[in-house]
Amino acid sequence: MRVQTTSRAQIRQEFGLRCQTLAANNTKGFKQEFEELNYVGKDLPTRAGDMEANKEKNRYPYILPYDHCRVRLSVQNSNPHSDYINANFVPVMCDKYWPLEQGKVYHGLIQVTTVSRKQGPDYFMTTINLRQRDCPTDRIITHYYYPTWPDRGVPDSSSLCVFTELVRQHLGAIPRLGPVVVHCSAGVGRSGTFVTLLWLMQLCTRGIRPDIRAAVEDLRLHRMWMVQTLEQYIFVHQCLLQWLSGGGSAGIQQTQGASSNINQRVQDQPHSSSAGRRGHNHRRRTHPPDQPQTTMQQRLHPGNLLRRLLPTSSPFNPG
């Protein structure tokens, strides 16, 4: 049985009414939902990040990767602790690991070559070639850099709508797309806001009603503090509503030649994408995440994230 999907116009109308309800009485509804999300993930262990040998590898001591889904790097020099990294990112602020102009730089055994760079109104789109020394395989990365997003704050909603829609269209157009890496500073506030918005845009284009609270809750079960502030939580609603009203797709056409008025897991794939503001993607070979506790396995399996936001009989529900 295939569930009936919803038109974009109807989603926009229903979502607009919900935003009005949440915003009433001095944003009382937004505040209540966001406070409830503070308890998500409190019972999940972070043993690897708490280990004495790994503490100095965490940029912020209160933002640690959950054990059940942390990325494990390949062990170096038989050191059992060398497999640790805080989620998918090396916690270094503003480390531009790619050349801003055409050219090459080396980071250890990794050669990073900027092939081309295009500037949009609020972002840069760079094609990067990655190669490990003495390895014949190249990896082509499309890198989106959005530098105007303040830490723990929000950018212009129209700008972010245009930027996210651009990334969404790019991801949908690439055959055999490899994993997408999103990073900021701590990998929770700006990254979480962007991922939530992008994810819900993808659902809406399939006719699925967006549930921002459920999306943030699921993301926080895999990385703590995703969508870090109340301002960012309300901002996701504002951006999605603006995008549903045409604010993002209309801007995409304008950015082809002018400014708009209206913003991993590493595997051997032919193409990958990276979108973020600040941080450092560290691309070494990775291993599957640690196994979750038996009682949490069904709830936390990454494959169930999208499933829990869809109707049981949805054509997009693999279950």
Protein backbone atom coordinates (compact mmCIF):
# COMPACT_ATOMS: atom_id res chain seq x y z
CA MET A 1 0.00 0.00 0.00
CA ARG A 2 1.39 3.38 -1.02
CA VAL A 3 0.58 6.35 1.19
CA GLN A 4 -0.71 9.50 -0.46
CA THR A 5 1.90 12.24 -0.45
CA THR A 6 1.24 15.94 0.02
CA SER A 7 1.70 18.83 -2.38
CA ARG A 8 4.28 21.49 -1.64
CA ALA A 9 1.54 24.12 -1.40
CA GLN A 10 -0.32 22.12 1.25
CA ILE A 11 2.90 21.42 3.17
CA ARG A 12 3.69 25.13 3.10
CA GLN A 13 0.20 26.06 4.39
CA GLU A 14 0.23 23.48 7.20
CA PHE A 15 3.81 24.26 8.19
CA GLY A 16 3.09 27.99 8.22
CA LEU A 17 0.19 27.49 10.63
CA ARG A 18 2.37 25.34 12.87
CA CYS A 19 5.10 27.99 12.95
CA GLN A 20 2.52 30.60 13.94
CA THR A 21 1.34 28.39 16.80
CA LEU A 22 4.89 27.79 18.05
CA ALA A 23 5.74 31.49 17.80
CA ALA A 24 2.69 32.64 19.80
CA ASN A 25 3.07 34.01 23.35
CA ASN A 26 6.67 35.10 22.88
CA THR A 27 7.78 31.89 21.10
CA LYS A 28 6.49 29.73 23.96
CA GLY A 29 6.04 26.68 21.73
CA PHE A 30 9.55 26.90 20.29
CA LYS A 31 11.04 27.22 23.76
CA GLN A 32 9.13 24.24 25.11
CA GLU A 33 10.11 21.96 22.23
CA PHE A 34 13.75 23.02 22.41
CA GLU A 35 13.93 22.48 26.19
CA GLU A 36 12.53 18.97 25.75
CA LEU A 37 15.33 18.20 23.30
CA ASN A 38 17.93 18.92 26.02
CA TYR A 39 17.36 15.42 27.41
CA VAL A 40 17.99 13.60 24.13
CA GLY A 41 21.07 11.40 24.26
CA LYS A 42 21.86 11.96 27.96
CA ASP A 43 21.90 8.19 28.54
CA LEU A 44 24.27 7.39 25.68
CA PRO A 45 27.90 6.53 26.56
CA THR A 46 30.93 8.53 25.36
CA ARG A 47 33.66 6.29 26.79
CA ALA A 48 36.16 6.78 23.96
CA GLY A 49 36.00 10.56 24.14
CA ASP A 50 36.30 10.49 27.94
CA MET A 51 39.48 8.39 27.91
CA GLU A 52 42.54 10.22 29.23
CA ALA A 53 44.48 9.37 26.07
CA ASN A 54 41.84 11.04 23.89
CA LYS A 55 40.80 14.08 25.93
CA GLU A 56 43.28 16.42 24.28
CA LYS A 57 41.82 15.50 20.88
CA ASN A 58 38.48 17.09 21.75
CA ARG A 59 38.12 20.78 20.89
CA TYR A 60 35.39 21.19 23.51
CA PRO A 61 35.35 18.87 26.56
CA TYR A 62 31.55 18.87 26.71
CA ILE A 63 31.04 17.84 23.06
CA LEU A 64 32.07 14.21 22.65
CA PRO A 65 31.18 11.55 20.07
CA TYR A 66 28.78 8.84 21.15
CA ASP A 67 30.38 5.40 21.27
CA HIS A 68 27.64 3.73 19.26
CA CYS A 69 28.30 5.81 16.12
CA ARG A 70 31.76 7.33 16.44
CA VAL A 71 34.14 7.15 13.48
CA ARG A 72 37.15 4.90 14.04
CA LEU A 73 40.28 5.70 12.07
CA SER A 74 42.83 3.13 10.99
CA VAL A 75 45.27 2.37 13.82
CA GLN A 76 48.70 3.97 13.43
CA ASN A 77 51.94 2.45 14.73
CA SER A 78 50.05 -0.15 16.79
CA ASN A 79 48.72 2.59 19.06
CA PRO A 80 45.20 1.49 20.07
CA HIS A 81 44.15 5.09 20.79
CA SER A 82 45.08 6.37 17.35
CA ASP A 83 41.71 5.27 15.98
CA TYR A 84 39.95 8.11 17.84
CA ILE A 85 38.60 11.27 16.28
CA ASN A 86 35.77 13.47 17.55
CA ALA A 87 32.96 12.35 15.25
CA ASN A 88 33.89 12.93 11.61
CA PHE A 89 35.99 16.01 12.11
CA VAL A 90 39.35 17.15 13.38
CA PRO A 91 38.41 19.91 15.91
CA VAL A 92 40.51 22.82 14.50
CA MET A 93 38.95 26.25 13.88
CA CYS A 94 39.39 27.87 10.45
CA ASP A 95 42.09 25.53 9.18
CA LYS A 96 41.99 25.99 5.41
CA TYR A 97 43.30 22.63 4.34
CA TRP A 98 42.75 23.40 0.65
CA PRO A 99 44.55 26.05 -1.43
CA LEU A 100 42.37 29.10 -2.00
CA GLU A 101 43.78 29.43 -5.51
CA GLN A 102 44.77 26.75 -8.00
CA GLY A 103 47.71 24.78 -6.64
CA LYS A 104 48.78 21.95 -4.33
CA VAL A 105 49.45 21.54 -0.61
CA TYR A 106 50.50 18.48 1.38
CA HIS A 107 49.17 17.30 4.72
CA GLY A 108 51.28 14.33 5.69
CA LEU A 109 50.77 11.75 2.98
CA ILE A 110 47.74 13.52 1.50
CA GLN A 111 48.06 15.80 -1.52
CA VAL A 112 45.29 18.41 -1.84
CA THR A 113 44.94 20.16 -5.19
CA THR A 114 42.54 22.99 -5.93
CA VAL A 115 41.40 22.45 -9.51
CA SER A 116 38.89 25.28 -9.88
CA ARG A 117 37.06 27.81 -7.70
CA LYS A 118 33.79 29.66 -8.31
CA GLN A 119 32.44 32.47 -6.16
CA GLY A 120 28.75 32.92 -5.42
CA PRO A 121 27.10 35.80 -3.54
CA ASP A 122 27.76 34.29 -0.09
CA TYR A 123 29.75 31.13 -0.75
CA PHE A 124 32.63 29.58 -2.64
CA MET A 125 32.38 26.35 -4.64
CA THR A 126 35.72 24.63 -5.16
CA THR A 127 36.67 21.47 -7.02
CA ILE A 128 39.38 19.63 -5.08
CA ASN A 129 41.48 16.63 -6.04
CA LEU A 130 42.68 14.38 -3.20
CA ARG A 131 45.48 11.87 -3.59
CA GLN A 132 47.52 9.85 -1.13
CA ARG A 133 51.21 9.72 -1.96
CA ASP A 134 52.28 6.57 -3.78
CA CYS A 135 48.62 5.77 -4.46
CA PRO A 136 47.30 5.98 -8.05
CA THR A 137 43.67 6.66 -7.03
CA ASP A 138 42.36 10.23 -7.11
CA ARG A 139 39.22 11.47 -5.41
CA ILE A 140 37.33 14.49 -6.70
CA ILE A 141 35.59 16.59 -4.05
CA THR A 142 33.08 19.40 -4.59
CA HIS A 143 33.61 21.71 -1.64
CA TYR A 144 31.06 24.35 -0.58
CA TYR A 145 32.40 27.03 1.73
CA TYR A 146 29.91 29.37 3.46
CA PRO A 147 31.98 31.90 5.44
CA THR A 148 29.27 34.33 6.59
CA TRP A 149 27.69 32.21 9.36
CA PRO A 150 28.55 33.51 12.88
CA ASP A 151 29.48 31.00 15.59
CA ARG A 152 26.45 30.07 17.78
CA GLY A 153 24.34 32.43 15.69
CA VAL A 154 22.45 32.44 12.40
CA PRO A 155 23.12 33.97 8.97
CA ASP A 156 20.63 35.68 6.69
CA SER A 157 17.76 33.25 6.10
CA SER A 158 17.34 34.10 2.40
CA SER A 159 21.03 33.56 1.78
CA LEU A 160 21.07 30.19 3.57
CA CYS A 161 17.96 29.03 1.70
CA VAL A 162 19.67 29.72 -1.61
CA PHE A 163 22.89 28.06 -0.50
CA THR A 164 21.17 24.92 0.86
CA GLU A 165 18.99 24.58 -2.22
CA LEU A 166 22.11 24.79 -4.38
CA VAL A 167 23.73 21.97 -2.39
CA ARG A 168 20.50 19.92 -2.49
CA GLN A 169 20.28 20.17 -6.27
CA HIS A 170 23.95 19.31 -6.60
CA LEU A 171 23.59 16.19 -4.46
CA GLY A 172 20.59 15.06 -6.48
CA ALA A 173 22.36 15.50 -9.81
CA ILE A 174 25.52 13.47 -9.17
CA PRO A 175 25.41 9.77 -10.07
CA ARG A 176 27.06 7.37 -7.62
CA LEU A 177 27.48 10.13 -5.07
CA GLY A 178 29.93 9.37 -2.28
CA PRO A 179 29.41 10.33 1.36
CA VAL A 180 28.82 13.97 2.26
CA VAL A 181 30.91 15.60 4.99
CA VAL A 182 29.53 18.65 6.81
CA HIS A 183 31.68 20.51 9.32
CA CYS A 184 31.87 23.77 11.23
CA SER A 185 33.84 24.36 14.45
CA ALA A 186 32.41 21.91 16.98
CA GLY A 187 30.30 20.16 14.36
CA VAL A 188 27.02 20.65 16.24
CA GLY A 189 25.49 24.13 15.92
CA ARG A 190 25.93 25.33 12.37
CA SER A 191 26.44 21.80 11.05
CA GLY A 192 23.30 20.55 12.78
CA THR A 193 21.24 23.48 11.53
CA PHE A 194 22.39 23.00 7.95
CA VAL A 195 21.89 19.21 7.98
CA THR A 196 18.39 19.57 9.47
CA LEU A 197 17.37 22.10 6.84
CA LEU A 198 18.84 20.09 3.96
CA TRP A 199 17.28 16.85 5.20
CA LEU A 200 13.80 18.35 5.56
CA MET A 201 14.04 20.01 2.15
CA GLN A 202 14.68 16.57 0.70
CA LEU A 203 11.63 15.16 2.50
CA CYS A 204 9.39 18.01 1.37
CA THR A 205 10.36 17.49 -2.27
CA ARG A 206 9.07 13.91 -1.84
CA GLY A 207 5.77 15.16 -0.48
CA ILE A 208 6.54 14.29 3.16
CA ARG A 209 5.38 16.70 5.86
CA PRO A 210 8.39 18.05 7.82
CA ASP A 211 8.77 17.37 11.54
CA ILE A 212 11.65 19.53 12.74
CA ARG A 213 11.47 18.40 16.36
CA ALA A 214 11.68 14.72 15.36
CA ALA A 215 14.53 15.45 12.94
CA VAL A 216 16.60 17.25 15.59
CA GLU A 217 15.88 14.51 18.12
CA ASP A 218 17.16 11.85 15.72
CA LEU A 219 20.27 13.86 14.88
CA ARG A 220 21.01 14.36 18.59
CA LEU A 221 20.93 10.60 19.09
CA HIS A 222 23.96 10.42 16.80
CA ARG A 223 25.78 13.61 17.79
CA MET A 224 25.09 15.67 20.88
CA TRP A 225 23.82 19.26 20.70
CA MET A 226 22.95 19.19 17.01
CA VAL A 227 21.12 22.51 16.43
CA GLN A 228 22.77 24.01 19.48
CA THR A 229 20.69 27.08 20.36
CA LEU A 230 17.04 28.11 20.49
CA GLU A 231 17.82 30.78 17.92
CA GLN A 232 19.08 28.11 15.51
CA TYR A 233 16.05 25.91 16.20
CA ILE A 234 13.63 28.73 15.35
CA PHE A 235 15.83 29.65 12.38
CA VAL A 236 15.34 26.20 10.81
CA HIS A 237 11.58 26.81 10.86
CA GLN A 238 12.01 30.25 9.32
CA CYS A 239 14.28 28.97 6.55
CA LEU A 240 12.10 25.98 5.69
CA LEU A 241 8.98 28.15 5.54
CA GLN A 242 10.77 30.65 3.32
CA TRP A 243 12.05 27.88 1.05
CA LEU A 244 8.56 26.35 0.77
CA SER A 245 7.38 29.80 -0.34
CA GLY A 246 9.90 29.82 -3.19
CA GLY A 247 12.73 31.70 -1.51
CA GLY A 248 15.43 29.13 -2.33
CA SER A 249 14.67 27.87 -5.82
CA ALA A 250 14.08 31.35 -7.17
CA GLY A 251 17.41 32.50 -5.81
CA ILE A 252 19.28 29.62 -7.44
CA GLN A 253 18.47 30.92 -10.90
CA GLN A 254 19.73 34.37 -9.98
CA THR A 255 23.02 33.15 -8.55
CA GLN A 256 24.10 31.72 -11.87
CA GLY A 257 25.25 35.18 -12.93
CA ALA A 258 24.42 37.68 -10.22
CA SER A 259 23.78 38.08 -6.51
CA SER A 260 20.42 37.02 -5.10
CA ASN A 261 18.22 39.18 -2.90
CA ILE A 262 16.87 36.47 -0.93
CA ASN A 263 21.91 30.77 2.23
CA GLN A 264 31.97 11.09 6.63
CA ARG A 265 32.51 8.45 6.63
CA VAL A 266 35.06 8.25 3.80
CA GLN A 267 34.75 5.41 1.31
CA ASP A 268 36.25 4.68 -2.09
CA GLN A 269 33.67 6.44 -4.22
CA PRO A 270 34.22 8.38 -7.44
CA HIS A 271 32.77 11.60 -6.07
CA SER A 272 32.14 13.14 -2.68
CA SER A 273 30.92 16.48 -1.42
CA SER A 274 31.84 18.68 1.50
CA ALA A 275 29.73 21.55 2.78
CA GLY A 276 30.52 23.66 5.79
CA ARG A 277 31.80 26.88 7.25
CA ARG A 278 34.81 26.19 9.42
CA GLY A 279 36.78 23.16 10.50
CA HIS A 280 39.00 20.48 9.15
CA ASN A 281 37.96 17.35 7.29
CA HIS A 282 40.36 14.59 8.20
CA ARG A 283 40.22 11.96 5.52
CA ARG A 284 41.80 8.72 6.57
CA ARG A 285 40.37 5.27 6.03
CA THR A 286 37.57 4.65 8.47
CA HIS A 287 36.06 1.58 10.07
CA PRO A 288 32.43 0.79 10.91
CA PRO A 289 31.18 2.45 14.09
CA ASP A 290 31.21 0.72 17.43
CA GLN A 291 28.23 -1.56 17.98
CA PRO A 292 25.40 0.07 19.96
CA GLN A 293 24.06 -1.52 23.09
CA THR A 294 21.58 -4.30 22.35
CA THR A 295 18.63 -2.45 23.84
CA MET A 296 19.38 0.62 21.72
CA GLN A 297 20.31 -1.06 18.46
CA GLN A 298 16.96 -0.78 16.70
CA ARG A 299 16.43 2.78 17.89
CA LEU A 300 19.85 4.11 16.96
CA HIS A 301 20.62 2.34 13.70
CA PRO A 302 21.41 5.10 11.15
CA GLY A 303 19.20 3.39 8.59
CA ASN A 304 16.20 4.04 10.81
CA LEU A 305 16.64 7.81 10.93
CA LEU A 306 14.66 8.62 7.80
CA ARG A 307 12.24 5.76 8.47
CA ARG A 308 10.99 7.19 11.75
CA LEU A 309 9.98 10.45 10.07
CA LEU A 310 7.95 8.75 7.33
CA PRO A 311 4.51 7.12 7.50
CA THR A 312 4.73 3.36 7.98
CA SER A 313 3.40 2.61 4.53
CA SER A 314 5.27 5.38 2.74
CA PRO A 315 6.80 4.42 -0.63
CA PHE A 316 10.04 5.96 0.66
CA ASN A 317 10.03 3.79 3.79
CA PRO A 318 12.39 0.82 3.20
CA GLY A 319 10.69 -0.94 6.12
